[in-house]
Amino acid sequence: MNRKLQLGMDGRAHNKERPLSAGSLFFRPGRRDCPYLKTPLLGFFAVALASLAFALPLRAAERVTLANGFVQVCNHHALVDGHIRLYLSAGEDSYIEYAPADIVSFETIPDPPAPPAAPAPAQSATRPAKLTPTDMAEMLTRAGTEHNLDVDLLASVIKAESDGNVRAVSPAGAQGLMQLMPGTAADLGVKDSFEPSQNVGGGSAYLDALLTRYHDNLAMALAAYNAGPQAVDKYHGIPPYHETRAYVARVIHEFNRRILAREAQARQSAAAPAATATTPSR
């Protein structure tokens, strides 16, 4: 059975009565000091993906200190009808409202400097750049079973990280299907990051550890996978980096798309025998 995942862009504990699923879900806070997000889950991440992944906002992110001691990250804010709205993307569809008295200060935070480019390591010329769908499915099933992770979640991470390219190398030097940095790969016991099963095994173990660390909060774990747990701990939530915010949105958008397709296929498969049983014989 896959673990129950929760989503909380503010990084705090949220209702875990039901697992993450696609559809019109909302962030349901477990505390009264965190208002409801105004946009359904799929809608929010579609907005975030469109506004962050393809056209970075012109404004830097803002770090908002609340009167209760918590910290909230937003794209920008505005005073509307006596309440302060913290907008989570460059547009104005997704926001959280606070009373002015609940906010202590705003701070503009720029992106961190880009890491220096790392030379691409030597790779085997005989190794295929892409796995067959069957090989990929079997490998993800093994890794998901071992680490109690949804196969579609692993597939969504790989889609965002490398688009399934076994030989992928990022400008920062991350390698393979799940884009492991050399130091992280070494810590995970991965000898060859371009060997698919080793890479996915290490990446799955790392994601499993991050989900455990952040109490199955998927957004927090994905942010840590992208920016590092030190950045998530520093900001007490998803760091205000455009790349990280777009990455989290992209993975969860793809995860929800896959869940919808899986549920539709299950309904279709269940309906087929029923239709056959009710068809009168000639």
Foldseek 3Di string as FASTA:
>chain_A
DFDAAAADQLLDDFDRPDHDAFDFDWGHHPDPQFDTKPGGPLVVLVQLQVQQVPPNAPFFKKWWQWPVGGIDIARDWDQDPQWIWGHRGNDRRITTTDHPNGTDDMDGDHADDDAAFDDQDDDDPPDDQADDPVVLQVLLVVLCVVLSHDSQLLVLQLCLQPNRGLADADRNGQGGSNRHHPVQLVVQVQPDCSPHSSVSNSSSVQLSVLCVVSVNHQLQSQLCSVPNNVQCVVNVGRHSHSVSSNSSSSSVSSSNVVSVVVVVVVVVVVVVVVVVVPDDDD
